């Protein structure tokens, strides 16, 4: 079975099949179905144009935040996060950068004002399969990071203005 039209997500799907959802990065797990319209319709928008360019693919937090790919005007696919308590923000330039963010092994904090990744100084317990995930990423040519917010900043500088201009045309939460 092919999970998605994105080769990197298909490879992660295979990794997750062995190690389990939420076992390799805190709160993260690929959805059973890529791009299911029902993931984004409740509480966001049911407009066809909204769903034509946004494809949900993963849980971002244990509380219900989610990641989706946005089809940008330039043809690229940055990752956006939808906060379970509100807020929608660009978080990564592509899924490969999201994978690197996942090596930070914390859930994103999402609100209407922004998204950030904070690791408590006393936090030292990695997710059960985190080491295997990092080793797998290295086979994909990706290195772990120490600062997730720096990758978020790069993505937002590149895509947030055009994403905001696009998404602001939808009356979110009005289905």
N, C-alpha and C. Protein backbone atom coordinates (compact mmCIF):
# COMPACT_ATOMS: atom_id res chain seq x y z
N UNK A 1 0.83 -1.18 0.00
CA UNK A 1 0.00 0.00 0.00
C UNK A 1 0.88 1.25 0.00
N UNK A 2 0.53 2.19 -0.84
CA UNK A 2 1.21 3.47 -0.85
C UNK A 2 0.40 4.42 0.03
N UNK A 3 1.07 4.99 1.01
CA UNK A 3 0.39 5.86 1.96
C UNK A 3 0.01 7.21 1.34
N UNK A 4 0.92 7.80 0.57
CA UNK A 4 0.69 9.16 0.07
C UNK A 4 1.44 9.37 -1.25
N UNK A 5 1.23 10.51 -1.90
CA UNK A 5 2.02 10.84 -3.09
C UNK A 5 3.41 11.38 -2.74
N UNK A 6 3.77 11.42 -1.45
CA UNK A 6 5.04 11.97 -1.00
C UNK A 6 5.96 10.82 -0.59
N UNK A 7 7.02 10.56 -1.35
CA UNK A 7 7.89 9.42 -1.05
C UNK A 7 8.42 9.40 0.38
N UNK A 8 8.78 10.56 0.91
CA UNK A 8 9.31 10.60 2.28
C UNK A 8 8.26 10.17 3.31
N UNK A 9 7.01 10.55 3.10
CA UNK A 9 5.96 10.12 4.01
C UNK A 9 5.70 8.62 3.88
N UNK A 10 5.85 8.08 2.68
CA UNK A 10 5.70 6.64 2.50
C UNK A 10 6.78 5.88 3.27
N UNK A 11 8.00 6.40 3.23
CA UNK A 11 9.09 5.77 3.98
C UNK A 11 8.83 5.85 5.48
N UNK A 12 8.33 6.99 5.95
CA UNK A 12 8.02 7.13 7.37
C UNK A 12 6.86 6.21 7.76
N UNK A 13 5.89 6.04 6.87
CA UNK A 13 4.78 5.12 7.11
C UNK A 13 5.32 3.71 7.38
N UNK A 14 6.29 3.29 6.57
CA UNK A 14 6.90 1.97 6.76
C UNK A 14 7.63 1.90 8.10
N UNK A 15 8.36 2.96 8.45
CA UNK A 15 9.06 3.01 9.74
C UNK A 15 8.04 2.93 10.88
N UNK A 16 6.97 3.71 10.79
CA UNK A 16 5.96 3.73 11.84
C UNK A 16 5.26 2.37 11.97
N UNK A 17 5.11 1.65 10.86
CA UNK A 17 4.48 0.33 10.92
C UNK A 17 5.27 -0.63 11.81
N UNK A 18 6.57 -0.44 11.87
CA UNK A 18 7.43 -1.29 12.71
C UNK A 18 7.48 -0.78 14.14
N UNK A 19 7.60 0.53 14.32
CA UNK A 19 7.87 1.11 15.64
C UNK A 19 6.63 1.65 16.36
N UNK A 20 5.56 1.92 15.64
CA UNK A 20 4.34 2.40 16.26
C UNK A 20 4.20 3.91 16.22
N UNK A 21 2.96 4.35 16.20
CA UNK A 21 2.63 5.77 16.22
C UNK A 21 2.96 6.34 17.59
N UNK A 22 3.43 7.58 17.61
CA UNK A 22 3.79 8.32 18.83
C UNK A 22 4.93 7.68 19.62
N UNK A 23 5.65 6.75 19.02
CA UNK A 23 6.75 6.09 19.75
C UNK A 23 8.10 6.71 19.46
N UNK A 24 8.20 7.49 18.40
CA UNK A 24 9.51 8.00 17.97
C UNK A 24 9.65 9.51 18.09
N UNK A 25 8.55 10.22 18.29
CA UNK A 25 8.56 11.67 18.52
C UNK A 25 7.30 12.00 19.31
N UNK A 26 7.47 12.72 20.37
CA UNK A 26 6.39 13.00 21.32
C UNK A 26 5.14 13.55 20.62
N UNK A 27 4.02 12.84 20.79
CA UNK A 27 2.74 13.29 20.27
C UNK A 27 2.53 13.11 18.78
N UNK A 28 3.55 12.67 18.04
CA UNK A 28 3.48 12.60 16.58
C UNK A 28 3.08 11.21 16.10
N UNK A 29 2.21 11.18 15.11
CA UNK A 29 1.87 9.93 14.47
C UNK A 29 1.16 10.19 13.16
N UNK A 30 1.55 9.47 12.12
CA UNK A 30 0.86 9.60 10.84
C UNK A 30 -0.57 9.11 10.98
N UNK A 31 -1.49 9.80 10.32
CA UNK A 31 -2.88 9.35 10.29
C UNK A 31 -2.98 8.08 9.47
N UNK A 32 -4.04 7.34 9.69
CA UNK A 32 -4.28 6.11 8.92
C UNK A 32 -4.49 6.42 7.44
N UNK A 33 -5.06 7.60 7.15
CA UNK A 33 -5.33 7.97 5.77
C UNK A 33 -4.75 9.35 5.48
N UNK A 34 -3.95 9.45 4.45
CA UNK A 34 -3.38 10.72 4.02
C UNK A 34 -4.46 11.58 3.38
N UNK A 35 -4.52 12.86 3.80
CA UNK A 35 -5.39 13.83 3.14
C UNK A 35 -6.87 13.65 3.36
N UNK A 36 -7.27 13.00 4.44
CA UNK A 36 -8.69 12.81 4.73
C UNK A 36 -9.34 14.16 5.00
N UNK A 37 -10.27 14.54 4.18
CA UNK A 37 -10.95 15.83 4.29
C UNK A 37 -11.59 16.02 5.66
N UNK A 38 -12.05 14.95 6.28
CA UNK A 38 -12.73 15.04 7.57
C UNK A 38 -11.80 15.51 8.70
N UNK A 39 -10.50 15.36 8.54
CA UNK A 39 -9.57 15.82 9.57
C UNK A 39 -9.59 17.34 9.69
N UNK A 40 -9.75 18.03 8.56
CA UNK A 40 -9.66 19.49 8.56
C UNK A 40 -11.01 20.20 8.51
N UNK A 41 -12.06 19.53 8.11
CA UNK A 41 -13.35 20.20 7.98
C UNK A 41 -13.91 20.66 9.32
N UNK A 42 -13.99 19.80 10.34
CA UNK A 42 -14.60 20.27 11.59
C UNK A 42 -13.78 21.37 12.26
N UNK A 43 -14.39 22.49 12.45
CA UNK A 43 -13.72 23.59 13.14
C UNK A 43 -12.82 24.44 12.27
N UNK A 44 -12.58 24.04 11.03
CA UNK A 44 -11.72 24.84 10.17
C UNK A 44 -12.51 25.34 8.98
N UNK A 45 -12.60 24.58 7.91
CA UNK A 45 -13.38 25.02 6.75
C UNK A 45 -13.78 23.80 5.94
N UNK A 46 -14.94 23.90 5.34
CA UNK A 46 -15.41 22.82 4.47
C UNK A 46 -15.36 23.24 3.00
N UNK A 47 -14.76 24.38 2.72
CA UNK A 47 -14.70 24.89 1.35
C UNK A 47 -13.82 23.99 0.48
N UNK A 48 -14.29 23.70 -0.71
CA UNK A 48 -13.53 22.85 -1.63
C UNK A 48 -12.15 23.42 -1.94
N UNK A 49 -12.07 24.75 -2.11
CA UNK A 49 -10.78 25.38 -2.41
C UNK A 49 -9.79 25.23 -1.25
N UNK A 50 -10.29 25.20 -0.04
CA UNK A 50 -9.46 24.99 1.15
C UNK A 50 -8.85 23.59 1.11
N UNK A 51 -9.68 22.60 0.86
CA UNK A 51 -9.24 21.20 0.86
C UNK A 51 -8.43 20.83 -0.38
N UNK A 52 -8.57 21.60 -1.44
CA UNK A 52 -7.80 21.31 -2.65
C UNK A 52 -6.30 21.54 -2.44
N UNK A 53 -5.96 22.45 -1.52
CA UNK A 53 -4.54 22.79 -1.32
C UNK A 53 -3.99 22.38 0.04
N UNK A 54 -4.79 21.79 0.90
CA UNK A 54 -4.34 21.33 2.21
C UNK A 54 -4.64 19.84 2.37
N UNK A 55 -3.63 19.07 2.73
CA UNK A 55 -3.79 17.63 2.94
C UNK A 55 -3.25 17.27 4.32
N UNK A 56 -4.13 16.89 5.21
CA UNK A 56 -3.71 16.48 6.55
C UNK A 56 -2.99 15.14 6.46
N UNK A 57 -2.01 14.95 7.36
CA UNK A 57 -1.30 13.68 7.32
C UNK A 57 -0.84 13.17 8.67
N UNK A 58 -0.83 14.01 9.72
CA UNK A 58 -0.30 13.52 11.00
C UNK A 58 -0.85 14.27 12.19
N UNK A 59 -0.90 13.57 13.29
CA UNK A 59 -1.18 14.16 14.59
C UNK A 59 0.10 14.86 15.04
N UNK A 60 -0.03 16.08 15.53
CA UNK A 60 1.13 16.84 15.98
C UNK A 60 1.29 16.78 17.50
N UNK A 61 0.16 16.60 18.19
CA UNK A 61 0.18 16.54 19.66
C UNK A 61 -0.83 15.50 20.13
N UNK A 62 -0.67 15.09 21.35
CA UNK A 62 -1.64 14.18 21.94
C UNK A 62 -3.00 14.83 22.12
N UNK A 63 -3.05 16.16 22.11
CA UNK A 63 -4.29 16.89 22.32
C UNK A 63 -5.13 17.09 21.07
N UNK A 64 -4.59 16.82 19.90
CA UNK A 64 -5.38 16.94 18.69
C UNK A 64 -4.87 17.93 17.66
N UNK A 65 -3.76 18.60 17.90
CA UNK A 65 -3.18 19.44 16.85
C UNK A 65 -2.76 18.54 15.70
N UNK A 66 -2.72 19.08 14.49
CA UNK A 66 -2.38 18.25 13.34
C UNK A 66 -1.49 18.98 12.35
N UNK A 67 -0.77 18.15 11.58
CA UNK A 67 0.06 18.66 10.50
C UNK A 67 -0.63 18.42 9.17
N UNK A 68 -0.44 19.37 8.24
CA UNK A 68 -0.96 19.24 6.88
C UNK A 68 0.07 19.81 5.91
N UNK A 69 0.03 19.32 4.70
CA UNK A 69 0.83 19.89 3.62
C UNK A 69 -0.02 20.94 2.92
N UNK A 70 0.59 22.08 2.63
CA UNK A 70 -0.09 23.14 1.89
C UNK A 70 0.56 23.25 0.53
N UNK A 71 -0.23 23.23 -0.52
CA UNK A 71 0.27 23.41 -1.88
C UNK A 71 0.47 24.90 -2.10
N UNK A 72 1.71 25.35 -2.01
CA UNK A 72 2.03 26.77 -2.17
C UNK A 72 1.93 27.19 -3.63
N UNK A 73 1.86 28.49 -3.87
CA UNK A 73 1.75 29.02 -5.23
C UNK A 73 2.93 28.61 -6.10
N UNK A 74 4.12 28.43 -5.48
CA UNK A 74 5.31 28.07 -6.26
C UNK A 74 5.42 26.56 -6.51
N UNK A 75 4.42 25.79 -6.10
CA UNK A 75 4.43 24.34 -6.32
C UNK A 75 5.07 23.54 -5.19
N UNK A 76 5.67 24.20 -4.23
CA UNK A 76 6.28 23.49 -3.10
C UNK A 76 5.20 23.10 -2.10
N UNK A 77 5.59 22.29 -1.12
CA UNK A 77 4.63 21.80 -0.13
C UNK A 77 5.14 22.00 1.29
N UNK A 78 5.05 23.23 1.80
CA UNK A 78 5.44 23.44 3.20
C UNK A 78 4.44 22.75 4.14
N UNK A 79 4.90 22.51 5.36
CA UNK A 79 4.07 21.87 6.38
C UNK A 79 3.48 22.96 7.26
N UNK A 80 2.18 22.86 7.52
CA UNK A 80 1.52 23.77 8.44
C UNK A 80 0.98 22.97 9.61
N UNK A 81 0.83 23.65 10.74
CA UNK A 81 0.25 23.01 11.92
C UNK A 81 -1.06 23.71 12.26
N UNK A 82 -2.07 22.91 12.57
CA UNK A 82 -3.36 23.39 13.02
C UNK A 82 -3.44 23.08 14.50
N UNK A 83 -3.52 24.10 15.33
CA UNK A 83 -3.57 23.91 16.77
C UNK A 83 -4.93 23.44 17.23
N UNK A 84 -4.95 22.52 18.18
CA UNK A 84 -6.22 22.01 18.69
C UNK A 84 -7.00 23.07 19.47
N UNK A 85 -6.33 24.12 19.91
CA UNK A 85 -7.02 25.21 20.60
C UNK A 85 -6.96 26.49 19.78
N UNK A 86 -6.67 26.36 18.50
CA UNK A 86 -6.63 27.50 17.61
C UNK A 86 -5.23 27.78 17.10
N UNK A 87 -5.16 28.52 16.04
CA UNK A 87 -3.90 28.89 15.43
C UNK A 87 -3.52 27.96 14.30
N UNK A 88 -3.09 28.56 13.21
CA UNK A 88 -2.61 27.82 12.04
C UNK A 88 -1.34 28.52 11.60
N UNK A 89 -0.25 27.75 11.49
CA UNK A 89 1.03 28.37 11.16
C UNK A 89 1.90 27.45 10.32
N UNK A 90 2.69 28.06 9.44
CA UNK A 90 3.73 27.31 8.73
C UNK A 90 4.74 26.86 9.77
N UNK A 91 5.17 25.60 9.66
CA UNK A 91 6.10 25.07 10.65
C UNK A 91 7.38 24.51 10.01
N UNK A 92 7.32 24.09 8.75
CA UNK A 92 8.51 23.52 8.08
C UNK A 92 8.42 23.76 6.58
N UNK A 93 9.57 23.92 5.94
CA UNK A 93 9.59 24.17 4.49
C UNK A 93 9.12 22.95 3.70
N UNK A 94 9.29 21.76 4.26
CA UNK A 94 8.86 20.52 3.61
C UNK A 94 8.88 19.40 4.64
N UNK A 95 8.49 18.19 4.23
CA UNK A 95 8.44 17.09 5.21
C UNK A 95 9.81 16.70 5.72
N UNK A 96 10.84 16.88 4.91
CA UNK A 96 12.20 16.55 5.39
C UNK A 96 12.60 17.45 6.56
N UNK A 97 12.27 18.74 6.48
CA UNK A 97 12.54 19.63 7.62
C UNK A 97 11.66 19.27 8.82
N UNK A 98 10.42 18.86 8.56
CA UNK A 98 9.57 18.41 9.68
C UNK A 98 10.21 17.20 10.36
N UNK A 99 10.72 16.26 9.59
CA UNK A 99 11.39 15.10 10.18
C UNK A 99 12.53 15.54 11.10
N UNK A 100 13.29 16.54 10.67
CA UNK A 100 14.38 17.05 11.51
C UNK A 100 13.82 17.70 12.78
N UNK A 101 12.72 18.43 12.65
CA UNK A 101 12.08 19.02 13.83
C UNK A 101 11.65 17.92 14.80
N UNK A 102 11.16 16.81 14.27
CA UNK A 102 10.73 15.71 15.13
C UNK A 102 11.88 15.13 15.96
N UNK A 103 13.12 15.32 15.51
CA UNK A 103 14.25 14.82 16.31
C UNK A 103 14.40 15.60 17.61
N UNK A 104 13.77 16.75 17.71
CA UNK A 104 13.79 17.52 18.96
C UNK A 104 12.93 16.83 20.03
N UNK A 105 11.99 15.99 19.59
CA UNK A 105 11.21 15.10 20.43
C UNK A 105 10.37 15.82 21.48
N UNK A 106 9.70 16.89 21.06
CA UNK A 106 8.71 17.56 21.91
C UNK A 106 7.51 17.94 21.03
N UNK A 107 6.35 18.06 21.65
CA UNK A 107 5.17 18.51 20.93
C UNK A 107 5.26 20.01 20.68
N UNK A 108 4.70 20.48 19.55
CA UNK A 108 4.67 21.93 19.34
C UNK A 108 3.66 22.59 20.28
N UNK A 109 3.95 23.82 20.64
CA UNK A 109 2.99 24.64 21.37
C UNK A 109 2.40 25.60 20.33
N UNK A 110 1.09 25.46 20.10
CA UNK A 110 0.42 26.21 19.04
C UNK A 110 -0.70 27.04 19.64
N UNK A 111 -0.72 28.32 19.29
CA UNK A 111 -1.85 29.17 19.64
C UNK A 111 -2.07 30.14 18.48
N UNK A 112 -2.98 31.07 18.65
CA UNK A 112 -3.29 31.98 17.55
C UNK A 112 -2.10 32.88 17.19
N UNK A 113 -1.20 33.11 18.14
CA UNK A 113 -0.07 34.01 17.91
C UNK A 113 1.15 33.35 17.29
N UNK A 114 1.29 32.03 17.44
CA UNK A 114 2.48 31.39 16.90
C UNK A 114 2.60 29.92 17.25
N UNK A 115 3.73 29.37 16.87
CA UNK A 115 4.06 27.97 17.16
C UNK A 115 5.51 27.95 17.64
N UNK A 116 5.78 27.14 18.64
CA UNK A 116 7.15 27.01 19.11
C UNK A 116 7.35 25.61 19.68
N UNK A 117 8.60 25.26 19.81
CA UNK A 117 9.00 23.97 20.37
C UNK A 117 9.90 24.26 21.56
N UNK A 118 9.44 23.88 22.73
CA UNK A 118 10.18 24.16 23.95
C UNK A 118 10.47 22.85 24.66
N UNK A 119 11.73 22.68 25.04
CA UNK A 119 12.13 21.50 25.79
C UNK A 119 12.59 21.95 27.17
N UNK A 120 11.92 21.46 28.19
CA UNK A 120 12.26 21.76 29.57
C UNK A 120 13.67 21.25 29.87
N UNK A 121 14.44 22.04 30.59
CA UNK A 121 15.81 21.65 30.96
C UNK A 121 15.85 20.31 31.68
N UNK A 122 14.80 20.00 32.42
CA UNK A 122 14.77 18.76 33.18
C UNK A 122 14.28 17.58 32.35
N UNK A 123 13.80 17.85 31.14
CA UNK A 123 13.32 16.78 30.26
C UNK A 123 14.51 15.98 29.76
N UNK A 124 14.52 14.70 30.03
CA UNK A 124 15.64 13.90 29.53
C UNK A 124 15.19 12.51 29.09
N UNK A 125 13.89 12.27 29.04
CA UNK A 125 13.36 10.97 28.66
C UNK A 125 12.89 11.00 27.21
N UNK A 126 13.66 10.43 26.28
CA UNK A 126 13.22 10.43 24.89
C UNK A 126 12.06 9.46 24.67
N UNK A 127 11.36 9.64 23.59
CA UNK A 127 10.31 8.70 23.20
C UNK A 127 10.94 7.32 23.03
N UNK A 128 10.17 6.24 23.26
CA UNK A 128 10.74 4.89 23.27
C UNK A 128 11.55 4.49 22.03
N UNK A 129 11.11 4.89 20.84
CA UNK A 129 11.82 4.52 19.61
C UNK A 129 12.54 5.71 18.98
N UNK A 130 12.83 6.72 19.79
CA UNK A 130 13.46 7.93 19.26
C UNK A 130 14.86 7.66 18.68
N UNK A 131 15.65 6.88 19.37
CA UNK A 131 17.00 6.58 18.87
C UNK A 131 16.93 5.85 17.53
N UNK A 132 15.98 4.96 17.37
CA UNK A 132 15.81 4.25 16.10
C UNK A 132 15.37 5.22 15.01
N UNK A 133 14.53 6.19 15.37
CA UNK A 133 14.09 7.20 14.42
C UNK A 133 15.26 8.05 13.94
N UNK A 134 16.08 8.50 14.86
CA UNK A 134 17.25 9.31 14.50
C UNK A 134 18.18 8.50 13.60
N UNK A 135 18.41 7.25 13.93
CA UNK A 135 19.27 6.39 13.09
C UNK A 135 18.66 6.22 11.70
N UNK A 136 17.34 6.03 11.64
CA UNK A 136 16.66 5.90 10.36
C UNK A 136 16.79 7.18 9.54
N UNK A 137 16.62 8.33 10.20
CA UNK A 137 16.75 9.61 9.49
C UNK A 137 18.14 9.78 8.90
N UNK A 138 19.13 9.36 9.63
CA UNK A 138 20.50 9.47 9.12
C UNK A 138 20.67 8.64 7.85
N UNK A 139 19.95 7.51 7.72
CA UNK A 139 20.00 6.74 6.47
C UNK A 139 19.30 7.48 5.34
N UNK A 140 18.46 8.46 5.70
CA UNK A 140 17.77 9.29 4.71
C UNK A 140 18.55 10.57 4.40
N UNK A 141 19.75 10.69 4.97
CA UNK A 141 20.59 11.85 4.74
C UNK A 141 20.23 13.06 5.58
N UNK A 142 19.53 12.84 6.70
CA UNK A 142 19.11 13.94 7.56
C UNK A 142 19.76 13.80 8.93
N UNK A 143 20.12 14.94 9.50
CA UNK A 143 20.76 14.96 10.81
C UNK A 143 19.80 15.53 11.86
N UNK A 144 19.90 15.06 13.09
CA UNK A 144 19.07 15.61 14.17
C UNK A 144 19.46 17.06 14.45
N UNK A 145 18.57 17.77 15.13
CA UNK A 145 18.80 19.18 15.44
C UNK A 145 18.72 19.43 16.94
N UNK A 146 19.25 20.56 17.35
CA UNK A 146 19.18 20.99 18.75
C UNK A 146 18.24 22.17 18.95
N UNK A 147 17.74 22.75 17.84
CA UNK A 147 16.91 23.95 17.93
C UNK A 147 15.83 23.90 16.86
N UNK A 148 14.65 23.41 17.22
CA UNK A 148 13.55 23.30 16.26
C UNK A 148 13.06 24.66 15.80
N UNK A 149 13.05 25.63 16.70
CA UNK A 149 12.50 26.94 16.36
C UNK A 149 13.27 27.64 15.24
N UNK A 150 14.56 27.33 15.08
CA UNK A 150 15.31 27.95 13.99
C UNK A 150 14.81 27.45 12.63
N UNK A 151 14.43 26.18 12.53
CA UNK A 151 13.87 25.67 11.28
C UNK A 151 12.48 26.26 11.03
N UNK A 152 11.70 26.43 12.09
CA UNK A 152 10.38 27.04 11.98
C UNK A 152 10.53 28.48 11.46
N UNK A 153 11.50 29.20 11.99
CA UNK A 153 11.71 30.60 11.57
C UNK A 153 12.03 30.69 10.08
N UNK A 154 12.89 29.81 9.58
CA UNK A 154 13.23 29.80 8.16
C UNK A 154 11.98 29.55 7.32
N UNK A 155 11.19 28.56 7.72
CA UNK A 155 9.96 28.23 6.98
C UNK A 155 8.98 29.39 7.00
N UNK A 156 8.84 30.03 8.15
CA UNK A 156 7.89 31.12 8.25
C UNK A 156 8.33 32.34 7.46
N UNK A 157 9.61 32.62 7.45
CA UNK A 157 10.09 33.75 6.64
C UNK A 157 9.80 33.52 5.17
N UNK A 158 9.90 32.27 4.74
CA UNK A 158 9.70 31.96 3.33
C UNK A 158 8.22 31.85 2.95
N UNK A 159 7.40 31.24 3.81
CA UNK A 159 6.04 30.89 3.41
C UNK A 159 4.90 31.56 4.19
N UNK A 160 5.14 32.02 5.39
CA UNK A 160 4.03 32.51 6.21
C UNK A 160 3.26 33.66 5.55
N UNK A 161 3.91 34.65 4.94
CA UNK A 161 3.12 35.73 4.32
C UNK A 161 2.18 35.22 3.21
N UNK A 162 2.67 34.35 2.33
CA UNK A 162 1.80 33.87 1.25
C UNK A 162 0.75 32.90 1.79
N UNK A 163 1.11 32.10 2.79
CA UNK A 163 0.12 31.21 3.40
C UNK A 163 -0.98 32.02 4.07
N UNK A 164 -0.59 33.05 4.82
CA UNK A 164 -1.56 33.88 5.53
C UNK A 164 -2.49 34.56 4.52
N UNK A 165 -1.94 35.09 3.43
CA UNK A 165 -2.78 35.74 2.41
C UNK A 165 -3.78 34.74 1.81
N UNK A 166 -3.32 33.51 1.60
CA UNK A 166 -4.21 32.49 1.03
C UNK A 166 -5.28 32.06 2.04
N UNK A 167 -4.89 31.72 3.24
CA UNK A 167 -5.84 31.15 4.21
C UNK A 167 -6.83 32.18 4.73
N UNK A 168 -6.45 33.46 4.70
CA UNK A 168 -7.34 34.50 5.20
C UNK A 168 -8.61 34.66 4.35
N UNK A 169 -8.66 34.06 3.17
CA UNK A 169 -9.87 34.12 2.34
C UNK A 169 -10.96 33.18 2.83
N UNK A 170 -10.63 32.29 3.78
CA UNK A 170 -11.59 31.32 4.27
C UNK A 170 -12.10 31.72 5.65
N UNK A 171 -13.42 31.72 5.83
CA UNK A 171 -13.97 31.99 7.16
C UNK A 171 -13.83 30.73 8.02
N UNK A 172 -12.71 30.60 8.70
CA UNK A 172 -12.42 29.39 9.45
C UNK A 172 -13.42 29.18 10.57
N UNK A 173 -13.78 27.94 10.72
CA UNK A 173 -14.72 27.57 11.76
C UNK A 173 -16.17 27.73 11.36
N UNK A 174 -16.39 28.17 10.13
CA UNK A 174 -17.78 28.34 9.65
C UNK A 174 -18.03 27.32 8.56
N UNK A 175 -18.55 26.19 8.95
CA UNK A 175 -18.83 25.12 7.98
C UNK A 175 -20.20 25.28 7.38
